[in-house]
Protein backbone atom coordinates (compact mmCIF):
# COMPACT_ATOMS: atom_id res chain seq x y z
CA MET A 1 0.00 0.00 0.00
CA SER A 2 2.74 2.49 0.85
CA MET A 3 4.20 2.07 -2.65
CA LEU A 4 0.83 2.94 -4.17
CA ARG A 5 0.46 6.01 -1.94
CA ASN A 6 4.00 7.11 -2.75
CA ASN A 7 3.36 6.86 -6.50
CA SER A 8 0.03 8.61 -6.10
CA GLY A 9 1.66 11.45 -4.14
CA LYS A 10 4.40 11.76 -6.74
CA ALA A 11 1.86 11.82 -9.56
CA THR A 12 -0.20 14.46 -7.74
CA ALA A 13 2.92 16.61 -7.24
CA GLU A 14 3.81 16.23 -10.94
CA VAL A 15 0.28 17.21 -12.01
CA ALA A 16 0.34 20.19 -9.65
CA ALA A 17 3.73 21.29 -11.03
CA HIS A 18 2.43 20.89 -14.58
CA VAL A 19 -0.67 22.94 -13.74
CA ARG A 20 1.51 25.71 -12.25
CA ASP A 21 3.69 25.64 -15.37
CA LEU A 22 0.63 25.92 -17.62
CA GLU A 23 -0.77 28.75 -15.48
CA GLN A 24 2.53 30.64 -15.78
CA LYS A 25 2.58 30.11 -19.55
CA LEU A 26 -1.02 31.33 -19.78
CA GLU A 27 -0.20 34.41 -17.71
CA ARG A 28 2.79 35.22 -19.95
CA SER A 29 0.61 34.66 -23.00
CA GLU A 30 -2.08 37.00 -21.64
CA LEU A 31 0.55 39.66 -20.84
CA GLN A 32 1.94 39.37 -24.36
CA ALA A 33 -1.57 39.67 -25.76
CA GLU A 34 -2.00 42.91 -23.79
CA VAL A 35 1.41 44.28 -24.77
CA MET A 36 1.21 43.42 -28.48
CA PRO A 37 -1.55 45.92 -29.38
CA GLU A 38 0.37 48.62 -27.50
CA GLU A 39 3.58 47.72 -29.34
CA LEU A 40 1.73 47.68 -32.66
CA ALA A 41 0.21 51.08 -31.89
CA ALA A 42 3.68 52.45 -31.04
CA ILE A 43 5.15 51.03 -34.25
CA LYS A 44 2.26 52.45 -36.28
CA MET A 45 2.73 55.86 -34.63
CA LYS A 46 6.47 55.82 -35.39
CA ALA A 47 5.75 54.86 -39.00
CA GLU A 48 3.22 57.68 -39.32
CA GLU A 49 5.69 60.15 -37.79
CA ALA A 50 8.42 59.00 -40.19
CA GLU A 51 6.02 59.31 -43.12
CA ALA A 52 4.99 62.81 -42.02
CA ALA A 53 8.65 63.82 -41.67
CA ARG A 54 9.41 62.41 -45.12
CA ASP A 55 6.44 64.25 -46.62
CA LYS A 56 7.59 67.48 -44.99
CA GLU A 57 11.11 66.95 -46.36
CA LEU A 58 9.74 66.27 -49.84
CA GLU A 59 7.65 69.43 -49.66
CA LEU A 60 10.73 71.45 -48.66
CA LEU A 61 12.69 69.95 -51.55
CA ARG A 62 9.86 70.78 -53.97
CA LYS A 63 9.76 74.34 -52.67
CA LYS A 64 13.55 74.72 -53.02
CA SER A 65 13.39 73.29 -56.52
CA GLN A 66 10.56 75.64 -57.45
CA ASP A 67 12.47 78.63 -55.99
CA GLN A 68 15.57 77.67 -57.98
CA GLU A 69 13.54 77.28 -61.18
CA GLU A 70 12.01 80.72 -60.61
CA LYS A 71 15.46 82.26 -60.02
CA LEU A 72 16.81 80.55 -63.11
CA ALA A 73 13.85 81.76 -65.18
CA HIS A 74 14.41 85.28 -63.81
CA LEU A 75 18.12 85.16 -64.67
CA MET A 76 17.38 83.79 -68.12
CA ALA A 77 14.89 86.59 -68.66
CA LEU A 78 17.49 89.17 -67.53
CA PHE A 79 20.16 87.76 -69.80
CA GLY A 80 17.67 87.32 -72.60
CA THR A 81 16.70 90.99 -72.48
CA LYS A 82 20.37 92.09 -72.40
CA VAL A 83 21.27 89.93 -75.39
CA VAL A 84 18.42 91.40 -77.41
């Protein structure tokens, strides 16, 4: 009988340890599930900020290019009138 009780106690301890392990894994999984949307939101925000910064840079480049074209057209007009 004592052998049976000993095996039963060992099996119960193993099951309890397994249950604790599963509970810990579940808790980690639930924490990850909570953190993931926050991480995704942060990544999305960073991507949107980078896109906005890129758009702003492109707009500045377009403006510089337009200013240079206007200056060049002005200079060409000045030289054109002097040549004629």
